[in-house]
């Protein structure tokens, strides 16, 4: 079987749950024909570089696939018929990268760099900065 990376962009009008359901449908299709999905990453609703079919945003997903050529062709045929799919691209690779993709790694890094506000932390008293002589 061959190894593939597949990126899918779905319409902005569908919900995140519908986009993830589309990924699950693709997984069932591939596994039904003897393939295996090694990784599914949902990247979320992201801006497109240019308008595609009057859409400015799209739900992005990445799939790492180990499947026969016929099942990948069938998956692409099904995607070309689906009105919710804006674009897709399948690339044959030598080995699957099961690490976190750069898109999700950057998002996780940005989230960890943000300051966190605890509800239990004491709040500074604004009036404490005013001297008693000024009152």
Protein backbone atom coordinates (compact mmCIF):
# COMPACT_ATOMS: atom_id res chain seq x y z
CA UNK A 1 0.00 0.00 0.00
CA UNK A 2 1.08 3.57 -0.63
CA UNK A 3 1.41 6.42 1.87
CA UNK A 4 -0.37 9.74 1.34
CA UNK A 5 -0.92 13.08 2.99
CA UNK A 6 -4.29 14.59 2.19
CA UNK A 7 -5.38 18.18 2.91
CA UNK A 8 -9.04 19.11 2.65
CA UNK A 9 -10.73 22.53 2.75
CA UNK A 10 -14.48 22.56 3.44
CA UNK A 11 -16.92 25.47 3.12
CA UNK A 12 -17.10 28.05 5.90
CA UNK A 13 -20.88 27.67 6.14
CA UNK A 14 -20.76 24.20 7.69
CA UNK A 15 -20.16 23.73 11.41
CA UNK A 16 -16.99 22.31 12.95
CA UNK A 17 -18.91 19.13 13.80
CA UNK A 18 -19.94 18.71 10.17
CA UNK A 19 -16.33 19.20 9.07
CA UNK A 20 -15.18 16.54 11.52
CA UNK A 21 -18.00 14.25 10.36
CA UNK A 22 -16.68 14.66 6.82
CA UNK A 23 -13.29 13.45 8.09
CA UNK A 24 -14.94 10.45 9.76
CA UNK A 25 -16.78 9.63 6.52
CA UNK A 26 -13.47 9.67 4.65
CA UNK A 27 -11.94 7.43 7.31
CA UNK A 28 -14.81 4.93 6.94
CA UNK A 29 -14.44 5.00 3.15
CA UNK A 30 -10.69 4.35 3.25
CA UNK A 31 -10.91 1.65 5.92
CA UNK A 32 -13.79 -0.01 4.07
CA UNK A 33 -11.51 -0.52 1.08
CA UNK A 34 -8.59 -1.96 3.04
CA UNK A 35 -6.70 1.24 3.89
CA UNK A 36 -5.73 2.83 7.19
CA UNK A 37 -5.89 6.42 8.43
CA UNK A 38 -2.84 6.97 10.65
CA UNK A 39 -3.68 10.55 11.69
CA UNK A 40 -6.51 13.06 11.34
CA UNK A 41 -5.89 16.69 12.30
CA UNK A 42 -8.66 19.27 12.21
CA UNK A 43 -6.99 22.67 11.87
CA UNK A 44 -10.16 24.67 12.30
CA UNK A 45 -11.69 27.57 10.40
CA UNK A 46 -8.89 29.51 8.73
CA UNK A 47 -8.65 32.38 6.26
CA UNK A 48 -8.11 31.53 2.62
CA UNK A 49 -5.43 33.38 0.64
CA UNK A 50 -8.00 34.22 -2.01
CA UNK A 51 -11.71 33.67 -2.50
CA UNK A 52 -12.70 30.16 -3.53
CA UNK A 53 -16.29 29.74 -4.71
CA UNK A 54 -17.22 32.99 -2.91
CA UNK A 55 -15.75 31.78 0.41
CA UNK A 56 -13.15 33.75 2.37
CA UNK A 57 -12.61 31.06 5.02
CA UNK A 58 -12.55 27.28 5.13
CA UNK A 59 -12.38 24.34 7.52
CA UNK A 60 -8.96 22.75 7.06
CA UNK A 61 -8.14 19.09 7.78
CA UNK A 62 -5.01 16.96 7.33
CA UNK A 63 -5.15 13.17 6.95
CA UNK A 64 -2.21 10.77 6.93
CA UNK A 65 -3.31 7.78 4.84
CA UNK A 66 -1.90 4.30 4.23
CA UNK A 67 -4.11 2.88 1.49
CA UNK A 68 -4.20 1.31 -1.95
CA UNK A 69 -4.33 3.60 -4.95
CA UNK A 70 -7.89 2.57 -5.85
CA UNK A 71 -9.28 3.66 -2.48
CA UNK A 72 -7.58 7.06 -2.72
CA UNK A 73 -8.99 7.54 -6.23
CA UNK A 74 -12.46 6.68 -4.90
CA UNK A 75 -12.03 9.12 -2.01
CA UNK A 76 -11.07 11.90 -4.44
CA UNK A 77 -14.06 11.04 -6.64
CA UNK A 78 -16.39 11.29 -3.65
CA UNK A 79 -14.86 14.63 -2.63
CA UNK A 80 -15.28 16.07 -6.12
CA UNK A 81 -19.02 15.33 -5.87
CA UNK A 82 -19.42 16.82 -2.38
CA UNK A 83 -20.65 20.43 -2.44
CA UNK A 84 -19.18 21.17 1.00
CA UNK A 85 -15.62 20.60 -0.23
CA UNK A 86 -13.85 23.62 -1.71
CA UNK A 87 -10.44 22.13 -2.43
CA UNK A 88 -8.44 19.00 -1.68
CA UNK A 89 -4.93 17.82 -2.42
CA UNK A 90 -3.43 14.37 -2.04
CA UNK A 91 0.33 13.90 -2.10
CA UNK A 92 2.17 10.58 -2.11
CA UNK A 93 4.97 10.53 0.48
CA UNK A 94 7.79 8.15 1.33
CA UNK A 95 6.88 7.96 5.01
CA UNK A 96 4.08 9.27 7.19
CA UNK A 97 4.86 12.05 9.63
CA UNK A 98 2.84 11.22 12.74
CA UNK A 99 4.16 14.18 14.71
CA UNK A 100 2.02 17.24 15.34
CA UNK A 101 1.83 19.32 12.16
CA UNK A 102 3.46 22.77 12.15
CA UNK A 103 0.02 24.42 12.06
CA UNK A 104 -1.13 22.78 15.30
CA UNK A 105 2.31 22.99 16.92
CA UNK A 106 2.37 26.76 16.40
CA UNK A 107 -1.18 27.12 17.74
CA UNK A 108 -0.29 25.12 20.87
CA UNK A 109 2.89 27.15 21.35
CA UNK A 110 0.95 30.43 21.05
CA UNK A 111 -1.61 29.23 23.57
CA UNK A 112 1.07 28.27 26.07
CA UNK A 113 2.83 31.66 25.68
CA UNK A 114 -0.28 33.65 26.59
CA UNK A 115 -0.50 34.83 30.18
CA UNK A 116 -3.07 32.92 32.15
CA UNK A 117 -5.39 34.63 34.55
CA UNK A 118 -6.35 32.60 37.60
CA UNK A 119 -9.62 33.29 39.35
CA UNK A 120 -8.00 32.57 42.72
CA UNK A 121 -5.15 35.07 42.26
CA UNK A 122 -5.42 38.19 44.42
CA UNK A 123 -6.51 41.31 42.58
CA UNK A 124 -4.39 44.42 43.12
CA UNK A 125 -6.21 47.17 44.99
CA UNK A 126 -6.36 50.22 42.76
CA UNK A 127 -6.81 52.60 45.69
CA UNK A 128 -3.67 51.31 47.38
CA UNK A 129 -1.51 53.32 44.95
CA UNK A 130 -3.00 56.60 46.17
CA UNK A 131 -1.14 58.15 49.11
CA UNK A 132 -3.14 59.02 52.21
CA UNK A 133 -1.92 62.64 51.95
CA UNK A 134 -3.57 63.08 48.55
CA UNK A 135 -7.05 62.28 49.84
